[in-house]
Amino acid sequence: MAEIIRFCNVENLHKNAVVLIENALNEYLRLNDNAIMAICGGSSVAGIFTQMANLELEWERVHFFMADERLVPIDNPDSNYKLAMDTLFKRLQENGKLNEANLHPFRTDLAVEEGLAKYNREFIELGGKIALSLLSAGPDGHIASLFPNHPSVSDFSTGYIAVDNSPKPPAGRISASRKMLEEAASSILLVTGQGKADALRNIETETMSIEGCPSKIIYNANNSYILSDIQ
């Protein structure tokens, strides 16, 4: 069962999230050759990415995949990959800690089905399991690009899935499936800002279903944490 940890401010939340990330990756790498970290986009993670760049990890053994991505060019301001590149990847590369081969953007220049097939092959070739997922809840309770009362959250496929009718623009996205997120070795869910108060309430409500609040998938994942600055 996920543990909900509340912080008095978002700065403390970021600091503690980075500690959890460091511990989870080190523990996974102790037993495995490499670790896949699945990351989301959005303002909630930017501060965490900035601090992660200072960690002394075996970055050459960590591979980054997107938990979800909008079907826009990777240099587009709406790209989740661009956010990670600007705040984390670029700094690690400049310091000689991370190789280009460890970065796995989704190929939005390919047809979606072709891109998905390629992305799923890359994921399987590197072990086919998320070592650590860093996720953020949306105000409506969505997680990655799995949305409330939407076909995306009821898709139990193995691997990445297409979301071609997202209720939140842009309509075209890809996402880690519900099954992928549930099978992650460790997971961190961020619920930050008063705009997410309803989402946190739904996450905590026992009678609320995963279909109604996809962020509750976190309860089915191993070694999972919910971090919030909402009092």
Protein backbone atom coordinates (compact mmCIF):
# COMPACT_ATOMS: atom_id res chain seq x y z
CA MET A 1 0.00 0.00 0.00
CA ALA A 2 1.36 3.41 -0.94
CA GLU A 3 2.40 5.66 1.91
CA ILE A 4 1.15 9.26 1.77
CA ILE A 5 3.80 11.71 2.94
CA ARG A 6 2.85 15.37 3.42
CA PHE A 7 5.29 18.26 3.35
CA CYS A 8 4.94 21.84 4.54
CA ASN A 9 6.19 23.19 1.21
CA VAL A 10 7.11 22.02 -2.26
CA GLU A 11 10.84 22.65 -1.71
CA ASN A 12 10.95 20.03 1.06
CA LEU A 13 8.90 17.70 -1.11
CA HIS A 14 11.40 18.00 -3.96
CA LYS A 15 14.34 17.41 -1.64
CA ASN A 16 12.80 14.25 -0.18
CA ALA A 17 11.67 12.98 -3.57
CA VAL A 18 15.29 13.12 -4.77
CA VAL A 19 16.39 11.05 -1.76
CA LEU A 20 13.73 8.43 -2.55
CA ILE A 21 14.83 8.39 -6.20
CA GLU A 22 18.49 7.94 -5.26
CA ASN A 23 17.70 5.10 -2.84
CA ALA A 24 15.35 3.31 -5.25
CA LEU A 25 17.79 3.42 -8.18
CA ASN A 26 20.76 2.36 -6.06
CA GLU A 27 18.81 -0.55 -4.62
CA TYR A 28 17.65 -1.70 -8.05
CA LEU A 29 21.14 -1.41 -9.53
CA ARG A 30 22.53 -3.48 -6.67
CA LEU A 31 20.61 -6.46 -8.06
CA ASN A 32 20.34 -5.64 -11.78
CA ASP A 33 22.63 -4.63 -14.64
CA ASN A 34 20.61 -1.54 -15.53
CA ALA A 35 17.56 0.40 -14.38
CA ILE A 36 14.75 1.94 -16.40
CA MET A 37 13.34 5.14 -14.96
CA ALA A 38 10.00 6.22 -16.41
CA ILE A 39 9.37 9.94 -16.08
CA CYS A 40 6.44 12.27 -16.57
CA GLY A 41 6.35 15.91 -17.59
CA GLY A 42 4.79 18.97 -16.01
CA SER A 43 5.81 21.66 -13.56
CA SER A 44 5.70 19.23 -10.62
CA VAL A 45 8.85 17.43 -11.75
CA ALA A 46 11.02 20.29 -13.04
CA GLY A 47 12.41 21.12 -9.59
CA ILE A 48 13.11 17.45 -8.93
CA PHE A 49 14.95 17.03 -12.23
CA THR A 50 17.14 20.03 -11.42
CA GLN A 51 18.22 18.48 -8.11
CA MET A 52 18.64 15.00 -9.61
CA ALA A 53 21.40 16.36 -11.84
CA ASN A 54 23.56 16.72 -8.70
CA LEU A 55 23.28 13.07 -7.66
CA GLU A 56 26.37 10.86 -7.86
CA LEU A 57 24.65 7.80 -9.30
CA GLU A 58 25.89 5.23 -11.80
CA TRP A 59 24.06 7.16 -14.49
CA GLU A 60 25.62 5.09 -17.27
CA ARG A 61 23.42 2.20 -16.05
CA VAL A 62 20.18 4.22 -15.91
CA HIS A 63 17.93 4.39 -18.97
CA PHE A 64 15.20 7.04 -19.23
CA PHE A 65 11.86 6.31 -20.86
CA MET A 66 8.80 8.54 -20.85
CA ALA A 67 5.87 7.50 -18.67
CA ASP A 68 3.81 9.29 -21.30
CA GLU A 69 4.39 11.68 -24.15
CA ARG A 70 2.41 14.13 -26.23
CA LEU A 71 2.67 13.53 -29.95
CA VAL A 72 4.58 16.71 -30.69
CA PRO A 73 8.20 17.17 -31.88
CA ILE A 74 10.70 16.61 -29.06
CA ASP A 75 11.84 20.24 -29.25
CA ASN A 76 8.27 21.50 -28.84
CA PRO A 77 7.55 23.33 -25.52
CA ASP A 78 4.73 20.82 -24.88
CA SER A 79 7.09 17.83 -25.11
CA ASN A 80 7.68 16.01 -21.82
CA TYR A 81 11.06 14.91 -23.18
CA LYS A 82 12.10 18.53 -23.80
CA LEU A 83 11.41 19.41 -20.16
CA ALA A 84 13.62 16.55 -18.99
CA MET A 85 16.32 17.47 -21.52
CA ASP A 86 16.39 21.12 -20.42
CA THR A 87 16.41 20.44 -16.67
CA LEU A 88 18.24 17.09 -16.28
CA PHE A 89 19.64 15.31 -19.33
CA LYS A 90 21.61 18.25 -20.71
CA ARG A 91 23.37 18.85 -17.39
CA LEU A 92 24.24 15.17 -16.94
CA GLN A 93 25.59 15.01 -20.49
CA GLU A 94 27.62 18.20 -20.08
CA ASN A 95 29.23 16.68 -16.97
CA GLY A 96 30.03 13.45 -18.82
CA LYS A 97 27.72 11.36 -16.63
CA LEU A 98 25.09 10.28 -19.15
CA ASN A 99 25.34 8.88 -22.68
CA GLU A 100 22.95 9.62 -25.52
CA ALA A 101 22.23 5.86 -25.70
CA ASN A 102 20.62 6.06 -22.24
CA LEU A 103 17.94 8.49 -23.45
CA HIS A 104 14.80 7.06 -25.02
CA PRO A 105 12.47 9.71 -26.44
CA PHE A 106 9.36 8.53 -28.25
CA ARG A 107 9.76 8.94 -32.02
CA THR A 108 6.93 11.29 -32.87
CA ASP A 109 8.22 11.57 -36.44
CA LEU A 110 7.04 8.00 -37.07
CA ALA A 111 3.48 6.77 -37.51
CA VAL A 112 2.07 6.08 -34.04
CA GLU A 113 1.84 2.30 -34.39
CA GLU A 114 5.37 2.13 -35.80
CA GLY A 115 6.65 4.37 -33.01
CA LEU A 116 4.91 2.25 -30.37
CA ALA A 117 6.35 -0.98 -31.77
CA LYS A 118 9.84 0.52 -31.71
CA TYR A 119 9.43 1.93 -28.20
CA ASN A 120 8.13 -1.33 -26.81
CA ARG A 121 11.04 -3.22 -28.42
CA GLU A 122 13.55 -0.84 -26.82
CA PHE A 123 11.83 -1.28 -23.45
CA ILE A 124 11.86 -5.08 -23.66
CA GLU A 125 15.49 -5.19 -24.81
CA LEU A 126 16.47 -3.35 -21.63
CA GLY A 127 14.61 -5.75 -19.34
CA GLY A 128 10.96 -4.90 -19.87
CA LYS A 129 10.41 -3.60 -16.32
CA ILE A 130 10.29 -0.12 -14.83
CA ALA A 131 12.75 0.15 -11.96
CA LEU A 132 11.30 3.49 -10.84
CA SER A 133 8.42 5.56 -12.12
CA LEU A 134 8.18 9.26 -11.30
CA LEU A 135 4.58 10.31 -11.87
CA SER A 136 2.34 13.29 -11.22
CA ALA A 137 -1.40 13.33 -10.60
CA GLY A 138 -3.48 15.69 -12.72
CA PRO A 139 -6.24 17.84 -11.19
CA ASP A 140 -8.74 15.29 -12.54
CA GLY A 141 -6.77 12.40 -11.03
CA HIS A 142 -5.18 11.23 -14.27
CA ILE A 143 -1.76 9.58 -14.18
CA ALA A 144 0.65 9.42 -17.14
CA SER A 145 -1.91 9.70 -19.98
CA LEU A 146 -4.48 7.41 -18.36
CA PHE A 147 -7.61 9.48 -17.82
CA PRO A 148 -10.70 9.07 -15.61
CA ASN A 149 -13.57 7.08 -17.11
CA HIS A 150 -11.67 6.83 -20.39
CA PRO A 151 -10.64 3.78 -22.47
CA SER A 152 -6.97 4.46 -21.61
CA VAL A 153 -7.39 3.45 -17.96
CA SER A 154 -9.29 0.27 -18.88
CA ASP A 155 -6.60 -0.91 -21.32
CA PHE A 156 -4.68 -3.76 -19.66
CA SER A 157 -2.18 -4.18 -22.50
CA THR A 158 1.43 -5.02 -21.79
CA GLY A 159 3.69 -2.15 -22.75
CA TYR A 160 3.04 1.31 -24.13
CA ILE A 161 -0.34 2.19 -25.59
CA ALA A 162 -1.71 4.85 -27.93
CA VAL A 163 -4.12 7.45 -26.53
CA ASP A 164 -5.64 9.11 -29.59
CA ASN A 165 -8.56 10.91 -27.96
CA SER A 166 -7.15 12.44 -24.80
CA PRO A 167 -9.70 14.65 -22.99
CA LYS A 168 -6.80 17.00 -22.24
CA PRO A 169 -5.06 18.57 -25.26
CA PRO A 170 -3.21 17.54 -27.25
CA ALA A 171 -5.52 14.65 -28.16
CA GLY A 172 -2.71 12.45 -29.47
CA ARG A 173 -0.46 10.84 -26.86
CA ILE A 174 1.24 7.60 -25.89
CA SER A 175 1.35 6.23 -22.36
CA ALA A 176 2.71 3.47 -20.21
CA SER A 177 -0.20 1.11 -19.71
CA ARG A 178 -1.90 0.51 -16.40
CA LYS A 179 -0.20 -2.92 -16.27
CA MET A 180 3.25 -1.37 -16.79
CA LEU A 181 2.72 1.13 -13.98
CA GLU A 182 1.42 -1.52 -11.60
CA GLU A 183 4.46 -3.74 -12.25
CA ALA A 184 7.09 -1.06 -11.55
CA ALA A 185 9.60 -2.02 -8.86
CA SER A 186 9.19 1.40 -7.19
CA SER A 187 6.88 4.36 -7.81
CA ILE A 188 6.60 7.96 -6.69
CA LEU A 189 3.40 9.93 -7.27
CA LEU A 190 3.48 13.72 -6.85
CA VAL A 191 0.29 15.56 -5.88
CA THR A 192 1.31 19.19 -5.54
CA GLY A 193 -0.52 22.51 -5.46
CA GLN A 194 -4.00 23.39 -4.24
CA GLY A 195 -5.32 22.73 -7.73
CA LYS A 196 -4.78 19.02 -7.01
CA ALA A 197 -6.73 19.00 -3.72
CA ASP A 198 -9.71 17.20 -5.25
CA ALA A 199 -7.40 14.64 -6.84
CA LEU A 200 -5.72 13.93 -3.49
CA ARG A 201 -9.13 13.59 -1.84
CA ASN A 202 -10.17 11.05 -4.48
CA ILE A 203 -6.89 9.17 -4.12
CA GLU A 204 -7.54 8.86 -0.38
CA THR A 205 -11.22 7.90 -0.75
CA GLU A 206 -11.50 4.12 -0.42
CA THR A 207 -14.74 3.91 -2.38
CA MET A 208 -13.32 5.75 -5.40
CA SER A 209 -12.39 3.35 -8.21
CA ILE A 210 -9.23 3.40 -10.31
CA GLU A 211 -11.45 4.08 -13.33
CA GLY A 212 -12.74 7.22 -11.60
CA CYS A 213 -9.29 8.25 -10.36
CA PRO A 214 -6.46 6.57 -12.31
CA SER A 215 -3.86 7.91 -9.86
CA LYS A 216 -5.05 5.16 -7.50
CA ILE A 217 -3.06 2.76 -9.68
CA ILE A 218 -0.22 3.73 -7.33
CA TYR A 219 -1.82 1.55 -4.64
CA ASN A 220 -1.27 -1.54 -6.81
CA ALA A 221 2.42 -0.79 -7.38
CA ASN A 222 5.18 -2.11 -5.15
CA ASN A 223 7.25 0.15 -2.91
CA SER A 224 5.18 3.20 -3.77
CA TYR A 225 4.94 6.67 -2.26
CA ILE A 226 2.52 9.57 -2.61
CA LEU A 227 4.16 12.92 -1.92
CA SER A 228 2.02 16.03 -1.40
CA ASP A 229 2.31 19.59 -0.15
CA ILE A 230 -1.47 19.86 0.26
CA GLN A 231 -2.43 20.19 3.92
